[in-house]
Every structure is written in C-alpha cells, then in structure tokens.
Amino acid sequence: MANRITGREKQILGLICEGLTNKEIAHELDRSIHTINNHLKKVFAKLDVKDRFEAIALAKKNGFFD
C-alpha cells in the first residue's frame, strides 16, 4: 500500500504526522490548500483510511518513516 503513494503524497503524509495542518502544509510546500486537500484525498484512498488520524496511525504502525 505505501509503495503506491507518490513521493509528494508521502511528503504530505510525513507533514501531517508531524502535526501540521493542511494550511501549514500548503504554506510549507508553496501550494494551494486545494492541492493539498486533493493529495490527502488520494493518500486516504490509497491507504484505505477515512481521515488524517487513521493515516497517521497506519503510517506509524507500519514504520513508513523509520
């Protein structure tokens, strides 16, 4: 599952794991909030999770960022 996410999606997943909001991620990556929201929708679908909290838990459980 994690191998299906793109580099940008993994970067954004890492930032939500660090506790950043979508707005903060958009600012950090110099992208629009809409772009970040679209990336997160794709991440959630690929990881089969409903929200950022499930995505964070799954990422930590599976050692995505070890």
Protein backbone atom coordinates (compact mmCIF):
# COMPACT_ATOMS: atom_id res chain seq x y z
CA MET A 1 0.00 0.00 0.00
CA ALA A 2 2.69 2.54 0.93
CA ASN A 3 4.55 1.79 -2.28
CA ARG A 4 1.52 3.05 -4.21
CA ILE A 5 1.74 6.59 -2.87
CA THR A 6 3.82 9.14 -4.75
CA GLY A 7 6.80 10.97 -3.34
CA ARG A 8 4.72 14.13 -2.88
CA GLU A 9 1.95 12.19 -1.15
CA LYS A 10 4.50 10.60 1.20
CA GLN A 11 5.94 14.04 1.91
CA ILE A 12 2.49 15.37 2.81
CA LEU A 13 1.76 12.29 4.93
CA GLY A 14 5.01 12.95 6.79
CA LEU A 15 3.97 16.52 7.43
CA ILE A 16 0.59 15.51 8.84
CA CYS A 17 2.45 13.02 11.06
CA GLU A 18 4.47 15.99 12.33
CA GLY A 19 1.19 17.68 13.28
CA LEU A 20 0.94 20.31 10.54
CA THR A 21 -2.48 21.47 9.38
CA ASN A 22 -3.44 21.47 5.71
CA LYS A 23 -2.97 25.24 5.65
CA GLU A 24 0.52 24.94 7.16
CA ILE A 25 1.43 22.22 4.66
CA ALA A 26 0.22 24.39 1.78
CA HIS A 27 2.40 27.24 3.02
CA GLU A 28 5.41 24.96 3.62
CA LEU A 29 5.21 23.47 0.11
CA ASP A 30 4.11 26.68 -1.61
CA ARG A 31 0.96 25.02 -2.93
CA SER A 32 -2.71 25.90 -2.65
CA ILE A 33 -4.84 24.45 0.11
CA HIS A 34 -6.95 22.80 -2.61
CA THR A 35 -3.90 20.99 -3.97
CA ILE A 36 -3.03 19.70 -0.51
CA ASN A 37 -6.63 18.58 0.06
CA ASN A 38 -6.57 16.70 -3.25
CA HIS A 39 -3.29 14.97 -2.37
CA LEU A 40 -4.68 13.95 1.02
CA LYS A 41 -7.86 12.53 -0.53
CA LYS A 42 -5.66 10.37 -2.75
CA VAL A 43 -3.49 9.30 0.19
CA PHE A 44 -6.53 8.35 2.27
CA ALA A 45 -7.99 6.35 -0.62
CA LYS A 46 -4.71 4.54 -1.33
CA LEU A 47 -4.20 3.71 2.34
CA ASP A 48 -7.90 2.83 2.76
CA VAL A 49 -8.36 5.18 5.71
CA LYS A 50 -11.11 7.69 6.49
CA ASP A 51 -9.15 10.61 7.89
CA ARG A 52 -5.77 12.03 8.87
CA PHE A 53 -5.86 10.34 12.27
CA GLU A 54 -6.19 6.88 10.74
CA ALA A 55 -3.49 7.76 8.19
CA ILE A 56 -1.10 8.85 10.95
CA ALA A 57 -1.80 5.70 12.98
CA LEU A 58 -1.25 3.47 9.94
CA ALA A 59 1.95 5.27 8.97
CA LYS A 60 3.37 4.92 12.48
CA LYS A 61 2.22 1.31 12.87
CA ASN A 62 3.85 0.30 9.60
CA GLY A 63 7.04 2.31 10.07
CA PHE A 64 6.61 4.47 6.96
CA PHE A 65 9.09 6.99 8.33
CA ASP A 66 11.56 4.83 10.26
